C-alpha atoms as a PDB file:
ATOM      1  CA  MET A   1      -7.081  50.017  19.904  1.00  0.00           C
ATOM      2  CA  VAL A   2      -7.388  53.121  22.061  1.00  0.00           C
ATOM      3  CA  ILE A   3     -10.360  53.813  24.311  1.00  0.00           C
ATOM      4  CA  THR A   4     -10.984  57.464  25.128  1.00  0.00           C
ATOM      5  CA  ARG A   5     -13.738  58.931  27.238  1.00  0.00           C
ATOM      6  CA  ILE A   6     -14.946  62.331  26.080  1.00  0.00           C
ATOM      7  CA  GLU A   7     -16.412  64.558  28.762  1.00  0.00           C
ATOM      8  CA  THR A   8     -19.250  66.359  26.986  1.00  0.00           C
ATOM      9  CA  SER A   9     -19.802  68.797  29.845  1.00  0.00           C
ATOM     10  CA  THR A  10     -16.689  70.758  28.796  1.00  0.00           C
ATOM     11  CA  ALA A  11     -16.552  72.975  25.715  1.00  0.00           C
ATOM     12  CA  ASP A  12     -13.716  71.001  24.084  1.00  0.00           C
ATOM     13  CA  GLY A  13     -15.392  67.680  24.744  1.00  0.00           C
ATOM     14  CA  PHE A  14     -18.710  68.939  23.422  1.00  0.00           C
ATOM     15  CA  ASN A  15     -17.083  70.253  20.226  1.00  0.00           C
ATOM     16  CA  GLN A  16     -15.272  66.968  19.696  1.00  0.00           C
ATOM     17  CA  TRP A  17     -18.508  65.063  20.290  1.00  0.00           C
ATOM     18  CA  ASN A  18     -20.319  67.244  17.738  1.00  0.00           C
ATOM     19  CA  LYS A  19     -17.647  66.421  15.136  1.00  0.00           C
ATOM     20  CA  TYR A  20     -18.836  62.832  15.303  1.00  0.00           C
ATOM     21  CA  GLY A  21     -22.390  63.990  14.620  1.00  0.00           C
ATOM     22  CA  PHE A  22     -23.983  62.858  17.866  1.00  0.00           C
ATOM     23  CA  LEU A  23     -26.584  64.909  19.679  1.00  0.00           C
ATOM     24  CA  GLU A  24     -27.094  62.763  22.775  1.00  0.00           C
ATOM     25  CA  VAL A  25     -25.030  60.694  25.161  1.00  0.00           C
ATOM     26  CA  PRO A  26     -24.029  57.935  25.585  1.00  0.00           C
ATOM     27  CA  ALA A  27     -22.703  56.997  22.174  1.00  0.00           C
ATOM     28  CA  ILE A  28     -19.648  55.060  21.051  1.00  0.00           C
ATOM     29  CA  VAL A  29     -17.117  55.642  18.280  1.00  0.00           C
ATOM     30  CA  ILE A  30     -14.682  52.863  17.412  1.00  0.00           C
ATOM     31  CA  ASN A  31     -11.407  53.805  15.664  1.00  0.00           C
ATOM     32  CA  ASN A  32     -12.904  57.137  14.564  1.00  0.00           C
ATOM     33  CA  GLU A  33     -14.899  55.196  11.956  1.00  0.00           C
ATOM     34  CA  THR A  34     -17.767  53.167  13.385  1.00  0.00           C
ATOM     35  CA  LYS A  35     -20.387  55.266  15.157  1.00  0.00           C
ATOM     36  CA  ILE A  36     -22.896  53.603  17.462  1.00  0.00           C
ATOM     37  CA  PRO A  37     -25.741  55.810  18.741  1.00  0.00           C
ATOM     38  CA  LYS A  38     -27.435  55.417  22.104  1.00  0.00           C
ATOM     39  CA  GLU A  39     -30.253  53.205  20.814  1.00  0.00           C
ATOM     40  CA  GLU A  40     -27.947  50.640  19.177  1.00  0.00           C
ATOM     41  CA  ILE A  41     -25.493  50.060  22.040  1.00  0.00           C
ATOM     42  CA  THR A  42     -25.553  46.409  23.079  1.00  0.00           C
ATOM     43  CA  GLU A  43     -22.893  44.218  24.612  1.00  0.00           C
ATOM     44  CA  GLU A  44     -23.057  41.738  21.742  1.00  0.00           C
ATOM     45  CA  LYS A  45     -22.700  44.432  19.085  1.00  0.00           C
ATOM     46  CA  LEU A  46     -19.733  45.975  20.884  1.00  0.00           C
ATOM     47  CA  LYS A  47     -17.996  42.600  21.173  1.00  0.00           C
ATOM     48  CA  THR A  48     -18.461  41.789  17.487  1.00  0.00           C
ATOM     49  CA  LEU A  49     -17.279  45.216  16.298  1.00  0.00           C
ATOM     50  CA  ILE A  50     -14.239  45.221  18.567  1.00  0.00           C
ATOM     51  CA  ASP A  51     -13.359  41.665  17.518  1.00  0.00           C
ATOM     52  CA  GLU A  52     -13.632  42.679  13.851  1.00  0.00           C
ATOM     53  CA  TYR A  53     -11.260  45.592  14.400  1.00  0.00           C
ATOM     54  CA  LEU A  54      -8.808  43.435  16.333  1.00  0.00           C
ATOM     55  CA  VAL A  55      -8.776  40.804  13.564  1.00  0.00           C
ATOM     56  CA  GLU A  56      -8.308  43.565  10.997  1.00  0.00           C
ATOM     57  CA  GLU A  57      -5.387  45.011  12.972  1.00  0.00           C
ATOM     58  CA  GLU A  58      -3.799  41.554  13.261  1.00  0.00           C
ATOM     59  CA  ASN A  59      -4.058  41.100   9.499  1.00  0.00           C
ATOM     60  CA  ILE A  60      -2.496  44.506   8.922  1.00  0.00           C
ATOM     61  CA  THR A  61       0.380  43.840  11.327  1.00  0.00           C
ATOM     62  CA  GLU A  62       0.993  40.389   9.808  1.00  0.00           C
ATOM     63  CA  TYR A  63       1.049  41.936   6.337  1.00  0.00           C
ATOM     64  CA  THR A  64       3.406  44.718   7.378  1.00  0.00           C
ATOM     65  CA  THR A  65       5.813  42.368   9.175  1.00  0.00           C
ATOM     66  CA  GLU A  66       5.904  40.062   6.146  1.00  0.00           C
ATOM     67  CA  GLU A  67       6.443  43.062   3.893  1.00  0.00           C
ATOM     68  CA  VAL A  68       9.241  44.404   6.109  1.00  0.00           C
ATOM     69  CA  THR A  69      11.073  41.067   6.177  1.00  0.00           C
ATOM     70  CA  ARG A  70      10.745  40.763   2.395  1.00  0.00           C
ATOM     71  CA  LYS A  71      12.122  44.292   1.922  1.00  0.00           C
ATOM     72  CA  GLU A  72      14.994  43.552   4.322  1.00  0.00           C
ATOM     73  CA  GLN A  73      15.873  40.476   2.289  1.00  0.00           C
ATOM     74  CA  GLU A  74      15.763  42.511  -0.926  1.00  0.00           C
ATOM     75  CA  ILE A  75      17.941  45.247   0.575  1.00  0.00           C
ATOM     76  CA  GLU A  76      20.442  42.658   1.761  1.00  0.00           C
ATOM     77  CA  TYR A  77      21.177  41.570  -1.810  1.00  0.00           C
ATOM     78  CA  ILE A  78      21.230  44.953  -3.541  1.00  0.00           C
ATOM     79  CA  ASN A  79      24.517  45.584  -5.401  1.00  0.00           C
ATOM     80  CA  THR A  80      26.396  42.624  -3.949  1.00  0.00           C
ATOM     81  CA  ASN A  81      28.661  42.651  -7.014  1.00  0.00           C
ATOM     82  CA  LEU A  82      29.794  46.201  -6.251  1.00  0.00           C
ATOM     83  CA  ASN A  83      30.466  45.803  -2.535  1.00  0.00           C
ATOM     84  CA  LEU A  84      34.103  44.729  -2.821  1.00  0.00           C
ATOM     85  CA  PRO A  85      35.238  47.338  -5.416  1.00  0.00           C
ATOM     86  CA  PHE A  86      33.308  50.013  -3.560  1.00  0.00           C
ATOM     87  CA  ALA A  87      35.047  49.134  -0.296  1.00  0.00           C
ATOM     88  CA  TYR A  88      38.490  49.271  -1.964  1.00  0.00           C
ATOM     89  CA  SER A  89      37.736  52.617  -3.597  1.00  0.00           C
ATOM     90  CA  LEU A  90      36.586  54.071  -0.271  1.00  0.00           C
ATOM     91  CA  GLY A  91      39.742  52.780   1.396  1.00  0.00           C
ATOM     92  CA  LEU A  92      41.886  54.311  -1.343  1.00  0.00           C
ATOM     93  CA  PHE A  93      40.048  57.617  -1.047  1.00  0.00           C
ATOM     94  CA  ALA A  94      40.416  57.618   2.749  1.00  0.00           C
ATOM     95  CA  GLY A  95      44.146  56.943   2.398  1.00  0.00           C
ATOM     96  CA  PHE A  96      44.774  60.172   0.485  1.00  0.00           C
ATOM     97  CA  SER A  97      45.086  62.583   3.360  1.00  0.00           C
ATOM     98  CA  PRO A  98      46.245  66.209   2.942  1.00  0.00           C
ATOM     99  CA  CYS A  99      49.547  65.412   4.671  1.00  0.00           C
ATOM    100  CA  LEU A 100      50.218  62.584   2.230  1.00  0.00           C
ATOM    101  CA  MET A 101      49.477  64.900  -0.697  1.00  0.00           C
ATOM    102  CA  ALA A 102      51.866  67.534   0.693  1.00  0.00           C
ATOM    103  CA  ILE A 103      54.659  64.975   1.076  1.00  0.00           C
ATOM    104  CA  LEU A 104      54.071  63.593  -2.431  1.00  0.00           C
ATOM    105  CA  GLY A 105      54.067  67.135  -3.852  1.00  0.00           C
ATOM    106  CA  PHE A 106      57.321  67.949  -2.076  1.00  0.00           C
ATOM    107  CA  LEU A 107      59.016  64.760  -3.322  1.00  0.00           C
ATOM    108  CA  LEU A 108      57.794  65.387  -6.870  1.00  0.00           C
ATOM    109  CA  SER A 109      59.026  68.993  -6.917  1.00  0.00           C
ATOM    110  CA  PHE A 110      62.328  68.035  -5.267  1.00  0.00           C
ATOM    111  CA  THR A 111      63.053  65.249  -7.747  1.00  0.00           C
ATOM    112  CA  ALA A 112      61.934  67.372 -10.703  1.00  0.00           C
ATOM    113  CA  GLY A 113      64.208  70.212  -9.604  1.00  0.00           C
ATOM    114  CA  THR A 114      67.328  68.044  -9.221  1.00  0.00           C
ATOM    115  CA  SER A 115      67.164  66.398 -12.634  1.00  0.00           C
ATOM    116  CA  ASN A 116      69.076  67.777 -15.618  1.00  0.00           C
END
């Protein structure tokens, strides 16, 4: 949760304050969603609203961490049957360098030219 003080005496601050729809100060906006005008500001109301948002954020972070660990477990087991053949094919492909191809081409042409 981020707390920002908007200085309404500046043009930028006043424009930002008007975007929230307030005409007088002080007023409070929580998470750009909950708007509390001057008449409704009480310590008890602020505590309950902030606690609600904190509980909501905890639920969201718990859900996302559970989701991330589940996705990591799923990713860990994707294509486990293809890992070994894929590794061998990449090793075979990496072994065919241009120098090796030139040597093999030379040997093939040399042996083909010397046969009857």
